PDB file of N, CA and C in Angstrom:
ATOM      1  N   UNK A   1      -0.045  -6.350  -0.941  1.00  0.00           N
ATOM      2  CA  UNK A   1      -0.154  -4.804  -1.888  1.00  0.00           C
ATOM      3  C   UNK A   1      -0.842  -3.948  -0.776  1.00  0.00           C
ATOM      4  N   UNK A   2       0.102  -2.468  -1.004  1.00  0.00           N
ATOM      5  CA  UNK A   2      -0.503  -1.361   0.205  1.00  0.00           C
ATOM      6  C   UNK A   2      -0.955  -0.477  -1.112  1.00  0.00           C
ATOM      7  N   UNK A   3      -2.319   0.453  -0.968  1.00  0.00           N
ATOM      8  CA  UNK A   3      -2.889   1.065  -1.656  1.00  0.00           C
ATOM      9  C   UNK A   3      -2.993   2.440  -1.062  1.00  0.00           C
ATOM     10  N   UNK A   4      -2.771   3.312  -1.691  1.00  0.00           N
ATOM     11  CA  UNK A   4      -3.111   4.371  -0.877  1.00  0.00           C
ATOM     12  C   UNK A   4      -3.604   5.487  -1.777  1.00  0.00           C
ATOM     13  N   UNK A   5      -4.986   5.881  -1.589  1.00  0.00           N
ATOM     14  CA  UNK A   5      -5.947   6.796  -2.625  1.00  0.00           C
ATOM     15  C   UNK A   5      -6.803   7.383  -1.918  1.00  0.00           C
ATOM     16  N   UNK A   6      -7.892   8.401  -2.809  1.00  0.00           N
ATOM     17  CA  UNK A   6      -8.845   9.461  -1.904  1.00  0.00           C
ATOM     18  C   UNK A   6      -9.835   8.658  -1.341  1.00  0.00           C
ATOM     19  N   UNK A   7      -9.759   9.493  -0.213  1.00  0.00           N
ATOM     20  CA  UNK A   7     -11.215   8.781   0.397  1.00  0.00           C
ATOM     21  C   UNK A   7     -12.463   9.595  -0.179  1.00  0.00           C
ATOM     22  N   UNK A   8     -13.458   8.610  -0.793  1.00  0.00           N
ATOM     23  CA  UNK A   8     -14.243   9.215  -1.642  1.00  0.00           C
ATOM     24  C   UNK A   8     -15.545   8.800  -1.090  1.00  0.00           C
ATOM     25  N   UNK A   9     -15.734   8.434   0.048  1.00  0.00           N
ATOM     26  CA  UNK A   9     -16.693   7.951   0.832  1.00  0.00           C
ATOM     27  C   UNK A   9     -17.778   9.454   0.886  1.00  0.00           C
ATOM     28  N   UNK A  10     -17.223  10.458   1.398  1.00  0.00           N
ATOM     29  CA  UNK A  10     -18.423  11.515   1.738  1.00  0.00           C
ATOM     30  C   UNK A  10     -17.580  13.145   0.978  1.00  0.00           C
ATOM     31  N   UNK A  11     -18.138  13.593   0.326  1.00  0.00           N
ATOM     32  CA  UNK A  11     -17.849  15.174  -0.251  1.00  0.00           C
ATOM     33  C   UNK A  11     -16.844  15.634   0.768  1.00  0.00           C
ATOM     34  N   UNK A  12     -16.953  15.692   2.201  1.00  0.00           N
ATOM     35  CA  UNK A  12     -16.398  16.311   3.004  1.00  0.00           C
ATOM     36  C   UNK A  12     -14.679  15.442   2.925  1.00  0.00           C
ATOM     37  N   UNK A  13     -14.685  14.295   2.841  1.00  0.00           N
ATOM     38  CA  UNK A  13     -13.632  13.713   3.027  1.00  0.00           C
ATOM     39  C   UNK A  13     -13.052  13.755   2.118  1.00  0.00           C
ATOM     40  N   UNK A  14     -13.765  13.782   0.584  1.00  0.00           N
ATOM     41  CA  UNK A  14     -12.717  14.085  -0.670  1.00  0.00           C
ATOM     42  C   UNK A  14     -12.098  15.726  -0.765  1.00  0.00           C
ATOM     43  N   UNK A  15     -12.979  16.376  -0.259  1.00  0.00           N
ATOM     44  CA  UNK A  15     -12.557  17.696  -0.257  1.00  0.00           C
ATOM     45  C   UNK A  15     -11.786  18.181   0.382  1.00  0.00           C
ATOM     46  N   UNK A  16     -11.353  17.448   1.886  1.00  0.00           N
ATOM     47  CA  UNK A  16     -10.355  18.100   2.614  1.00  0.00           C
ATOM     48  C   UNK A  16      -9.154  17.137   2.164  1.00  0.00           C
ATOM     49  N   UNK A  17      -8.988  16.010   1.370  1.00  0.00           N
ATOM     50  CA  UNK A  17      -7.709  15.605   1.082  1.00  0.00           C
ATOM     51  C   UNK A  17      -7.467  14.179   1.893  1.00  0.00           C
ATOM     52  N   UNK A  18      -8.764  13.765   2.262  1.00  0.00           N
ATOM     53  CA  UNK A  18      -8.741  12.974   3.219  1.00  0.00           C
ATOM     54  C   UNK A  18      -8.019  11.489   2.213  1.00  0.00           C
ATOM     55  N   UNK A  19      -7.236  10.549   2.673  1.00  0.00           N
ATOM     56  CA  UNK A  19      -6.981   9.041   1.916  1.00  0.00           C
ATOM     57  C   UNK A  19      -7.148   7.983   2.916  1.00  0.00           C
ATOM     58  N   UNK A  20      -7.255   7.003   2.161  1.00  0.00           N
ATOM     59  CA  UNK A  20      -7.722   5.537   2.535  1.00  0.00           C
ATOM     60  C   UNK A  20      -6.100   5.039   2.683  1.00  0.00           C
ATOM     61  N   UNK A  21      -5.821   3.886   3.145  1.00  0.00           N
ATOM     62  CA  UNK A  21      -4.875   2.999   3.140  1.00  0.00           C
ATOM     63  C   UNK A  21      -5.308   1.803   3.165  1.00  0.00           C
ATOM     64  N   UNK A  22      -5.177   1.023   1.732  1.00  0.00           N
ATOM     65  CA  UNK A  22      -5.777  -0.441   1.833  1.00  0.00           C
ATOM     66  C   UNK A  22      -4.568  -1.338   1.904  1.00  0.00           C
ATOM     67  N   UNK A  23      -4.634  -2.389   2.883  1.00  0.00           N
ATOM     68  CA  UNK A  23      -3.587  -3.272   2.709  1.00  0.00           C
ATOM     69  C   UNK A  23      -4.592  -4.492   2.455  1.00  0.00           C
ATOM     70  N   UNK A  24      -4.075  -5.006   1.529  1.00  0.00           N
ATOM     71  CA  UNK A  24      -4.842  -6.225   0.908  1.00  0.00           C
ATOM     72  C   UNK A  24      -3.591  -7.539   0.626  1.00  0.00           C
ATOM     73  N   UNK A  25      -3.923  -8.617   1.198  1.00  0.00           N
ATOM     74  CA  UNK A  25      -3.083  -9.920   0.902  1.00  0.00           C
ATOM     75  C   UNK A  25      -3.313 -10.962  -0.095  1.00  0.00           C
ATOM     76  N   UNK A  26      -2.583 -11.471  -0.693  1.00  0.00           N
ATOM     77  CA  UNK A  26      -2.895 -12.108  -2.064  1.00  0.00           C
ATOM     78  C   UNK A  26      -2.914 -13.651  -1.534  1.00  0.00           C
ATOM     79  N   UNK A  27      -2.264 -13.981  -0.371  1.00  0.00           N
ATOM     80  CA  UNK A  27      -2.329 -15.417   0.315  1.00  0.00           C
ATOM     81  C   UNK A  27      -2.123 -15.567   1.805  1.00  0.00           C
ATOM     82  N   UNK A  28      -1.943 -16.510   2.590  1.00  0.00           N
ATOM     83  CA  UNK A  28      -1.838 -16.588   4.003  1.00  0.00           C
ATOM     84  C   UNK A  28      -0.560 -15.949   4.445  1.00  0.00           C
ATOM     85  N   UNK A  29       0.764 -16.311   3.854  1.00  0.00           N
ATOM     86  CA  UNK A  29       2.034 -15.683   4.101  1.00  0.00           C
ATOM     87  C   UNK A  29       2.055 -14.260   3.972  1.00  0.00           C
ATOM     88  N   UNK A  30       1.701 -13.400   3.009  1.00  0.00           N
ATOM     89  CA  UNK A  30       1.334 -12.454   3.328  1.00  0.00           C
ATOM     90  C   UNK A  30       0.760 -11.844   4.427  1.00  0.00           C
ATOM     91  N   UNK A  31      -0.392 -12.459   4.519  1.00  0.00           N
ATOM     92  CA  UNK A  31      -0.964 -11.950   5.892  1.00  0.00           C
ATOM     93  C   UNK A  31      -0.460 -12.023   6.948  1.00  0.00           C
ATOM     94  N   UNK A  32       0.485 -13.262   7.123  1.00  0.00           N
ATOM     95  CA  UNK A  32       1.274 -13.539   8.620  1.00  0.00           C
ATOM     96  C   UNK A  32       2.415 -12.394   8.359  1.00  0.00           C
ATOM     97  N   UNK A  33       2.804 -11.646   7.457  1.00  0.00           N
ATOM     98  CA  UNK A  33       4.059 -10.718   7.096  1.00  0.00           C
ATOM     99  C   UNK A  33       3.651  -9.399   7.866  1.00  0.00           C
ATOM    100  N   UNK A  34       2.388  -8.947   7.676  1.00  0.00           N
ATOM    101  CA  UNK A  34       2.030  -7.676   7.760  1.00  0.00           C
ATOM    102  C   UNK A  34       2.660  -7.163   8.912  1.00  0.00           C
ATOM    103  N   UNK A  35       2.344  -7.736  10.168  1.00  0.00           N
ATOM    104  CA  UNK A  35       2.892  -7.060  11.207  1.00  0.00           C
ATOM    105  C   UNK A  35       4.610  -6.919  11.516  1.00  0.00           C
ATOM    106  N   UNK A  36       5.382  -8.029  10.722  1.00  0.00           N
ATOM    107  CA  UNK A  36       6.658  -7.732  10.567  1.00  0.00           C
ATOM    108  C   UNK A  36       7.065  -6.675   9.761  1.00  0.00           C
ATOM    109  N   UNK A  37       6.300  -6.584   8.757  1.00  0.00           N
ATOM    110  CA  UNK A  37       6.381  -5.594   7.896  1.00  0.00           C
ATOM    111  C   UNK A  37       6.433  -4.284   8.064  1.00  0.00           C
ATOM    112  N   UNK A  38       5.311  -4.124   8.841  1.00  0.00           N
ATOM    113  CA  UNK A  38       5.212  -2.545   8.945  1.00  0.00           C
ATOM    114  C   UNK A  38       5.633  -2.542  10.733  1.00  0.00           C
ATOM    115  N   UNK A  39       6.599  -3.121  11.010  1.00  0.00           N
ATOM    116  CA  UNK A  39       7.581  -3.043  12.217  1.00  0.00           C
ATOM    117  C   UNK A  39       8.970  -2.899  11.999  1.00  0.00           C
ATOM    118  N   UNK A  40       9.241  -2.722  10.286  1.00  0.00           N
ATOM    119  CA  UNK A  40      10.409  -2.915   9.727  1.00  0.00           C
ATOM    120  C   UNK A  40      10.508  -1.015   9.501  1.00  0.00           C
ATOM    121  N   UNK A  41      11.673  -0.632  10.300  1.00  0.00           N
ATOM    122  CA  UNK A  41      11.754   0.935  10.361  1.00  0.00           C
ATOM    123  C   UNK A  41      12.007   0.938   8.747  1.00  0.00           C
ATOM    124  N   UNK A  42      12.983   0.278   8.057  1.00  0.00           N
ATOM    125  CA  UNK A  42      13.689   0.967   6.800  1.00  0.00           C
ATOM    126  C   UNK A  42      12.256   0.467   5.626  1.00  0.00           C
ATOM    127  N   UNK A  43      11.525  -0.494   6.004  1.00  0.00           N
ATOM    128  CA  UNK A  43      10.423  -0.405   5.348  1.00  0.00           C
ATOM    129  C   UNK A  43       9.522   0.735   5.136  1.00  0.00           C
ATOM    130  N   UNK A  44       9.471   1.160   6.699  1.00  0.00           N
ATOM    131  CA  UNK A  44       8.576   2.478   6.851  1.00  0.00           C
ATOM    132  C   UNK A  44       9.104   3.545   5.874  1.00  0.00           C
ATOM    133  N   UNK A  45      10.424   3.657   6.316  1.00  0.00           N
ATOM    134  CA  UNK A  45      11.042   4.831   5.710  1.00  0.00           C
ATOM    135  C   UNK A  45      10.899   4.591   4.004  1.00  0.00           C
ATOM    136  N   UNK A  46      10.906   3.627   3.497  1.00  0.00           N
ATOM    137  CA  UNK A  46      10.723   3.600   1.862  1.00  0.00           C
ATOM    138  C   UNK A  46       9.241   3.735   1.720  1.00  0.00           C
ATOM    139  N   UNK A  47       8.321   3.358   2.438  1.00  0.00           N
ATOM    140  CA  UNK A  47       6.892   3.720   2.004  1.00  0.00           C
ATOM    141  C   UNK A  47       6.945   5.048   2.015  1.00  0.00           C
ATOM    142  N   UNK A  48       7.250   5.844   3.201  1.00  0.00           N
ATOM    143  CA  UNK A  48       7.242   7.375   3.055  1.00  0.00           C
ATOM    144  C   UNK A  48       7.649   7.851   2.210  1.00  0.00           C
ATOM    145  N   UNK A  49       8.926   7.316   1.819  1.00  0.00           N
ATOM    146  CA  UNK A  49       9.543   8.090   0.314  1.00  0.00           C
ATOM    147  C   UNK A  49       8.665   8.013  -0.628  1.00  0.00           C
ATOM    148  N   UNK A  50       8.015   7.039  -0.874  1.00  0.00           N
ATOM    149  CA  UNK A  50       7.106   6.759  -1.977  1.00  0.00           C
ATOM    150  C   UNK A  50       5.959   7.398  -1.849  1.00  0.00           C
ATOM    151  N   UNK A  51       5.535   7.495  -0.722  1.00  0.00           N
ATOM    152  CA  UNK A  51       4.349   8.617  -0.469  1.00  0.00           C
ATOM    153  C   UNK A  51       4.689   9.981  -0.836  1.00  0.00           C
ATOM    154  N   UNK A  52       6.030  10.465  -0.617  1.00  0.00           N
ATOM    155  CA  UNK A  52       6.279  11.922  -0.841  1.00  0.00           C
ATOM    156  C   UNK A  52       6.249  11.998  -2.201  1.00  0.00           C
ATOM    157  N   UNK A  53       6.480  11.201  -3.253  1.00  0.00           N
ATOM    158  CA  UNK A  53       7.155  10.743  -4.639  1.00  0.00           C
ATOM    159  C   UNK A  53       5.584  10.924  -5.280  1.00  0.00           C
ATOM    160  N   UNK A  54       4.421  10.121  -4.556  1.00  0.00           N
ATOM    161  CA  UNK A  54       3.224   9.716  -5.316  1.00  0.00           C
ATOM    162  C   UNK A  54       1.907  10.414  -4.401  1.00  0.00           C
ATOM    163  N   UNK A  55       1.264  10.868  -4.851  1.00  0.00           N
ATOM    164  CA  UNK A  55       0.007  11.209  -3.578  1.00  0.00           C
ATOM    165  C   UNK A  55      -0.726  10.218  -3.264  1.00  0.00           C
ATOM    166  N   UNK A  56      -0.880   9.632  -4.513  1.00  0.00           N
ATOM    167  CA  UNK A  56      -1.681   7.961  -4.606  1.00  0.00           C
ATOM    168  C   UNK A  56      -1.021   7.080  -5.120  1.00  0.00           C
ATOM    169  N   UNK A  57      -0.806   5.747  -4.564  1.00  0.00           N
ATOM    170  CA  UNK A  57      -0.109   4.525  -5.628  1.00  0.00           C
ATOM    171  C   UNK A  57      -0.254   3.398  -5.085  1.00  0.00           C
ATOM    172  N   UNK A  58      -0.345   2.487  -5.721  1.00  0.00           N
ATOM    173  CA  UNK A  58      -0.299   1.381  -5.342  1.00  0.00           C
ATOM    174  C   UNK A  58       1.140   0.558  -5.303  1.00  0.00           C
ATOM    175  N   UNK A  59       1.501  -0.557  -4.428  1.00  0.00           N
ATOM    176  CA  UNK A  59       2.641  -1.025  -3.939  1.00  0.00           C
ATOM    177  C   UNK A  59       2.256  -2.501  -4.180  1.00  0.00           C
ATOM    178  N   UNK A  60       3.049  -3.334  -4.822  1.00  0.00           N
ATOM    179  CA  UNK A  60       3.100  -4.747  -4.685  1.00  0.00           C
ATOM    180  C   UNK A  60       4.453  -5.054  -3.796  1.00  0.00           C
ATOM    181  N   UNK A  61       4.436  -5.974  -2.753  1.00  0.00           N
ATOM    182  CA  UNK A  61       5.444  -6.102  -2.143  1.00  0.00           C
ATOM    183  C   UNK A  61       5.553  -7.734  -1.987  1.00  0.00           C
ATOM    184  N   UNK A  62       6.679  -8.097  -2.367  1.00  0.00           N
ATOM    185  CA  UNK A  62       6.746  -9.592  -2.612  1.00  0.00           C
ATOM    186  C   UNK A  62       7.355 -10.143  -1.069  1.00  0.00           C
ATOM    187  N   UNK A  63       6.571 -11.245  -0.373  1.00  0.00           N
ATOM    188  CA  UNK A  63       7.150 -11.979   0.547  1.00  0.00           C
ATOM    189  C   UNK A  63       7.471 -13.283   0.144  1.00  0.00           C
ATOM    190  N   UNK A  64       8.741 -13.494   0.729  1.00  0.00           N
ATOM    191  CA  UNK A  64       9.261 -14.913   0.788  1.00  0.00           C
ATOM    192  C   UNK A  64       8.887 -15.774   2.100  1.00  0.00           C
ATOM    193  N   UNK A  65       9.098 -17.058   1.723  1.00  0.00           N
ATOM    194  CA  UNK A  65       8.872 -17.789   2.433  1.00  0.00           C
ATOM    195  C   UNK A  65       9.701 -18.783   2.972  1.00  0.00           C
ATOM    196  N   UNK A  66       9.816 -19.855   3.930  1.00  0.00           N
ATOM    197  CA  UNK A  66      10.436 -20.807   4.025  1.00  0.00           C
ATOM    198  C   UNK A  66       9.916 -21.801   4.604  1.00  0.00           C
ATOM    199  N   UNK A  67      10.315 -23.200   4.248  1.00  0.00           N
ATOM    200  CA  UNK A  67       9.405 -23.993   4.441  1.00  0.00           C
ATOM    201  C   UNK A  67       9.969 -24.594   6.098  1.00  0.00           C
ATOM    202  N   UNK A  68       9.331 -24.793   7.310  1.00  0.00           N
ATOM    203  CA  UNK A  68       9.750 -25.152   8.340  1.00  0.00           C
ATOM    204  C   UNK A  68       8.750 -27.062   8.587  1.00  0.00           C
ATOM    205  N   UNK A  69       8.747 -27.240   9.889  1.00  0.00           N
ATOM    206  CA  UNK A  69       8.196 -28.253  10.315  1.00  0.00           C
ATOM    207  C   UNK A  69       6.581 -28.116  10.371  1.00  0.00           C
ATOM    208  N   UNK A  70       6.183 -26.804  10.596  1.00  0.00           N
ATOM    209  CA  UNK A  70       4.594 -26.311  10.739  1.00  0.00           C
ATOM    210  C   UNK A  70       4.284 -25.827   9.603  1.00  0.00           C
ATOM    211  N   UNK A  71       4.775 -25.917   8.694  1.00  0.00           N
ATOM    212  CA  UNK A  71       4.319 -25.443   6.718  1.00  0.00           C
ATOM    213  C   UNK A  71       5.361 -23.935   7.104  1.00  0.00           C
ATOM    214  N   UNK A  72       5.024 -23.348   5.624  1.00  0.00           N
ATOM    215  CA  UNK A  72       5.712 -22.350   5.101  1.00  0.00           C
ATOM    216  C   UNK A  72       5.348 -20.881   6.192  1.00  0.00           C
ATOM    217  N   UNK A  73       6.502 -20.556   6.315  1.00  0.00           N
ATOM    218  CA  UNK A  73       6.112 -18.671   7.083  1.00  0.00           C
ATOM    219  C   UNK A  73       6.943 -18.092   6.249  1.00  0.00           C
ATOM    220  N   UNK A  74       6.517 -16.657   6.487  1.00  0.00           N
ATOM    221  CA  UNK A  74       7.428 -15.687   5.990  1.00  0.00           C
ATOM    222  C   UNK A  74       8.654 -15.622   6.189  1.00  0.00           C
ATOM    223  N   UNK A  75       9.130 -14.958   5.744  1.00  0.00           N
ATOM    224  CA  UNK A  75      11.154 -15.035   5.941  1.00  0.00           C
ATOM    225  C   UNK A  75      11.408 -13.254   6.377  1.00  0.00           C
ATOM    226  N   UNK A  76      10.409 -12.777   6.383  1.00  0.00           N
ATOM    227  CA  UNK A  76      10.893 -11.076   6.635  1.00  0.00           C
ATOM    228  C   UNK A  76      11.181 -10.983   8.254  1.00  0.00           C
ATOM    229  N   UNK A  77      11.908 -11.332   8.694  1.00  0.00           N
ATOM    230  CA  UNK A  77      12.428 -11.497  10.288  1.00  0.00           C
ATOM    231  C   UNK A  77      13.447 -10.392  10.559  1.00  0.00           C
ATOM    232  N   UNK A  78      14.660 -10.132   9.462  1.00  0.00           N
ATOM    233  CA  UNK A  78      15.162  -9.158   9.991  1.00  0.00           C
ATOM    234  C   UNK A  78      14.738  -7.621   9.461  1.00  0.00           C
ATOM    235  N   UNK A  79      15.140  -6.842  10.506  1.00  0.00           N
ATOM    236  CA  UNK A  79      14.965  -5.468  10.327  1.00  0.00           C
ATOM    237  C   UNK A  79      15.465  -4.624   9.016  1.00  0.00           C
ATOM    238  N   UNK A  80      16.827  -5.341   8.837  1.00  0.00           N
ATOM    239  CA  UNK A  80      17.485  -4.552   7.669  1.00  0.00           C
ATOM    240  C   UNK A  80      17.181  -5.386   6.417  1.00  0.00           C
ATOM    241  N   UNK A  81      16.522  -6.462   6.271  1.00  0.00           N
ATOM    242  CA  UNK A  81      15.946  -7.068   5.064  1.00  0.00           C
ATOM    243  C   UNK A  81      14.637  -6.410   4.541  1.00  0.00           C
ATOM    244  N   UNK A  82      14.857  -5.895   3.071  1.00  0.00           N
ATOM    245  CA  UNK A  82      13.843  -5.395   2.506  1.00  0.00           C
ATOM    246  C   UNK A  82      13.020  -6.337   1.545  1.00  0.00           C
ATOM    247  N   UNK A  83      11.503  -6.400   1.469  1.00  0.00           N
ATOM    248  CA  UNK A  83      11.177  -7.434   0.406  1.00  0.00           C
ATOM    249  C   UNK A  83      11.245  -6.079  -0.944  1.00  0.00           C
ATOM    250  N   UNK A  84      11.588  -7.069  -2.074  1.00  0.00           N
ATOM    251  CA  UNK A  84      11.311  -6.285  -3.119  1.00  0.00           C
ATOM    252  C   UNK A  84       9.983  -5.715  -3.498  1.00  0.00           C
ATOM    253  N   UNK A  85       9.771  -4.388  -3.816  1.00  0.00           N
ATOM    254  CA  UNK A  85       8.414  -3.672  -4.005  1.00  0.00           C
ATOM    255  C   UNK A  85       8.486  -2.495  -5.374  1.00  0.00           C
ATOM    256  N   UNK A  86       7.044  -3.356  -5.979  1.00  0.00           N
ATOM    257  CA  UNK A  86       7.018  -2.444  -7.173  1.00  0.00           C
ATOM    258  C   UNK A  86       5.946  -1.654  -7.034  1.00  0.00           C
ATOM    259  N   UNK A  87       6.199  -0.408  -7.282  1.00  0.00           N
ATOM    260  CA  UNK A  87       5.673   1.130  -7.017  1.00  0.00           C
ATOM    261  C   UNK A  87       4.946   1.172  -8.008  1.00  0.00           C
ATOM    262  N   UNK A  88       3.379   1.824  -8.071  1.00  0.00           N
ATOM    263  CA  UNK A  88       3.026   2.459  -9.707  1.00  0.00           C
ATOM    264  C   UNK A  88       2.024   3.481  -8.877  1.00  0.00           C
ATOM    265  N   UNK A  89       2.253   4.786  -9.662  1.00  0.00           N
ATOM    266  CA  UNK A  89       1.447   5.817  -9.186  1.00  0.00           C
ATOM    267  C   UNK A  89      -0.092   5.705  -9.746  1.00  0.00           C
ATOM    268  N   UNK A  90      -1.130   6.118  -9.101  1.00  0.00           N
ATOM    269  CA  UNK A  90      -2.301   5.808  -9.463  1.00  0.00           C
ATOM    270  C   UNK A  90      -2.642   7.129  -9.999  1.00  0.00           C
ATOM    271  N   UNK A  91      -3.240   6.751 -11.344  1.00  0.00           N
ATOM    272  CA  UNK A  91      -3.604   7.744 -12.079  1.00  0.00           C
ATOM    273  C   UNK A  91      -5.243   7.943 -12.292  1.00  0.00           C
ATOM    274  N   UNK A  92      -5.983   8.910 -11.458  1.00  0.00           N
ATOM    275  CA  UNK A  92      -7.002   8.870 -10.980  1.00  0.00           C
ATOM    276  C   UNK A  92      -7.992   9.819 -11.863  1.00  0.00           C
ATOM    277  N   UNK A  93      -7.371  10.287 -12.700  1.00  0.00           N
ATOM    278  CA  UNK A  93      -7.870  11.298 -14.136  1.00  0.00           C
ATOM    279  C   UNK A  93      -9.263  10.926 -14.493  1.00  0.00           C
ATOM    280  N   UNK A  94      -9.110   9.445 -14.882  1.00  0.00           N
ATOM    281  CA  UNK A  94     -10.531   9.051 -15.574  1.00  0.00           C
ATOM    282  C   UNK A  94     -11.569   8.797 -14.379  1.00  0.00           C
ATOM    283  N   UNK A  95     -10.978   8.317 -13.575  1.00  0.00           N
ATOM    284  CA  UNK A  95     -11.974   8.502 -12.076  1.00  0.00           C
ATOM    285  C   UNK A  95     -12.540   9.524 -12.303  1.00  0.00           C
ATOM    286  N   UNK A  96     -11.722  10.741 -12.020  1.00  0.00           N
ATOM    287  CA  UNK A  96     -12.683  12.001 -11.532  1.00  0.00           C
ATOM    288  C   UNK A  96     -13.314  12.657 -12.580  1.00  0.00           C
ATOM    289  N   UNK A  97     -12.779  12.213 -13.645  1.00  0.00           N
ATOM    290  CA  UNK A  97     -14.017  12.445 -14.893  1.00  0.00           C
ATOM    291  C   UNK A  97     -15.313  12.007 -15.297  1.00  0.00           C
ATOM    292  N   UNK A  98     -15.552  10.776 -14.569  1.00  0.00           N
ATOM    293  CA  UNK A  98     -16.549  10.278 -14.763  1.00  0.00           C
ATOM    294  C   UNK A  98     -17.809  10.624 -13.580  1.00  0.00           C
ATOM    295  N   UNK A  99     -17.003  11.175 -12.547  1.00  0.00           N
ATOM    296  CA  UNK A  99     -18.055  11.721 -11.437  1.00  0.00           C
ATOM    297  C   UNK A  99     -18.155  13.311 -11.632  1.00  0.00           C
ATOM    298  N   UNK A 100     -19.063  13.879 -12.337  1.00  0.00           N
ATOM    299  CA  UNK A 100     -19.301  15.577 -12.852  1.00  0.00           C
ATOM    300  C   UNK A 100     -19.430  16.379 -11.513  1.00  0.00           C
ATOM    301  N   UNK A 101     -19.634  15.607 -10.072  1.00  0.00           N
ATOM    302  CA  UNK A 101     -19.616  16.549  -9.022  1.00  0.00           C
ATOM    303  C   UNK A 101     -18.650  16.713  -8.522  1.00  0.00           C
ATOM    304  N   UNK A 102     -17.389  15.875  -9.265  1.00  0.00           N
ATOM    305  CA  UNK A 102     -16.058  15.879  -8.614  1.00  0.00           C
ATOM    306  C   UNK A 102     -15.112  16.723  -9.815  1.00  0.00           C
ATOM    307  N   UNK A 103     -15.508  17.350 -10.871  1.00  0.00           N
ATOM    308  CA  UNK A 103     -14.943  17.378 -11.850  1.00  0.00           C
ATOM    309  C   UNK A 103     -13.815  18.513 -11.748  1.00  0.00           C
ATOM    310  N   UNK A 104     -14.194  19.422 -10.856  1.00  0.00           N
ATOM    311  CA  UNK A 104     -13.326  20.639 -10.518  1.00  0.00           C
ATOM    312  C   UNK A 104     -11.796  19.860  -9.728  1.00  0.00           C
ATOM    313  N   UNK A 105     -12.034  18.872  -9.186  1.00  0.00           N
ATOM    314  CA  UNK A 105     -10.944  18.342  -8.315  1.00  0.00           C
ATOM    315  C   UNK A 105     -10.008  17.362  -9.199  1.00  0.00           C
ATOM    316  N   UNK A 106     -10.327  17.104 -10.304  1.00  0.00           N
ATOM    317  CA  UNK A 106      -9.239  16.639 -11.465  1.00  0.00           C
ATOM    318  C   UNK A 106      -8.193  17.406 -11.576  1.00  0.00           C
TER     319      UNK A 106
END
């Protein structure tokens, strides 16, 4: 999962529109695939496109695997192969309404 969300750690980071990018793996295969995924030019272009369309979002990326003698390995080896990605814009309205301090930011 790749999440882009506002940096809420300090007032300055929030008001200067700084963001967090969080990469979270659901299992070991996904963790092994991170390097290949972020070295994939086509994936990066797609991620940039998603970012231009959504200020904040979460994307779930499906990583396939193949069984080898040493166990399962991610199959994202080709720079042309893009894994399926489901993107959902993050609605942060409820978050900002709960924080009176940041009400004008909503």
